[in-house]
Amino acid sequence: MFHCPFCKTSAHSRTSRYLSDNVKQRYHQCMNIECSATFRTLESIDGLFVHR
């Protein structure tokens, strides 16, 4: 879960899609009804600690 970059309220994920095996693009919407901002994030793996 991310916080809204405008009002800092929690934002819920609305939809997502993989851009590659290690990168996901996700759209979020602010839960503050007065703000309701929609924004996009990129999530990626930046480290691997255990591989079996």
Protein backbone atom coordinates (compact mmCIF):
# COMPACT_ATOMS: atom_id res chain seq x y z
CA MET A 1 0.00 0.00 0.00
CA PHE A 2 1.24 3.46 -0.89
CA HIS A 3 0.29 6.82 0.57
CA CYS A 4 -1.15 9.55 -1.64
CA PRO A 5 1.63 11.92 -2.77
CA PHE A 6 -0.75 14.88 -2.32
CA CYS A 7 -2.61 14.41 0.98
CA LYS A 8 -0.63 11.46 2.47
CA THR A 9 -3.77 9.35 3.05
CA SER A 10 -3.56 5.62 2.25
CA ALA A 11 -4.22 4.67 -1.33
CA HIS A 12 -5.54 1.34 -2.56
CA SER A 13 -4.34 -0.51 -5.62
CA ARG A 14 -6.90 -0.45 -8.43
CA THR A 15 -5.15 -2.42 -11.17
CA SER A 16 -1.71 -3.68 -12.10
CA ARG A 17 0.22 -5.31 -14.91
CA TYR A 18 3.68 -6.80 -15.33
CA LEU A 19 5.99 -4.85 -17.61
CA SER A 20 8.67 -7.55 -17.33
CA ASP A 21 9.46 -10.57 -15.13
CA ASN A 22 10.73 -8.26 -12.37
CA VAL A 23 8.74 -5.02 -12.82
CA LYS A 24 5.06 -4.37 -12.08
CA GLN A 25 3.17 -1.17 -12.91
CA ARG A 26 0.34 -0.44 -10.48
CA TYR A 27 -2.40 2.22 -10.40
CA HIS A 28 -3.55 3.51 -7.00
CA GLN A 29 -6.44 5.68 -5.85
CA CYS A 30 -6.40 7.85 -2.74
CA MET A 31 -8.98 6.80 -0.15
CA ASN A 32 -9.59 10.41 0.94
CA ILE A 33 -12.89 11.27 -0.79
CA GLU A 34 -11.95 14.97 -0.96
CA CYS A 35 -8.69 14.16 -2.76
CA SER A 36 -9.36 10.94 -4.75
CA ALA A 37 -6.06 11.32 -6.62
CA THR A 38 -5.04 8.52 -8.95
CA PHE A 39 -1.35 7.80 -9.45
CA ARG A 40 0.91 5.13 -10.91
CA THR A 41 3.88 3.32 -9.35
CA LEU A 42 6.53 0.89 -10.54
CA GLU A 43 7.49 -2.02 -8.31
CA SER A 44 10.65 -4.02 -8.86
CA ILE A 45 12.84 -6.59 -7.16
CA ASP A 46 15.96 -4.87 -5.88
CA GLY A 47 17.53 -7.75 -3.98
CA LEU A 48 17.35 -11.51 -3.64
CA PHE A 49 18.39 -13.05 -0.32
CA VAL A 50 17.53 -16.74 -0.60
CA HIS A 51 17.31 -18.80 -3.77
CA ARG A 52 16.37 -22.48 -3.62
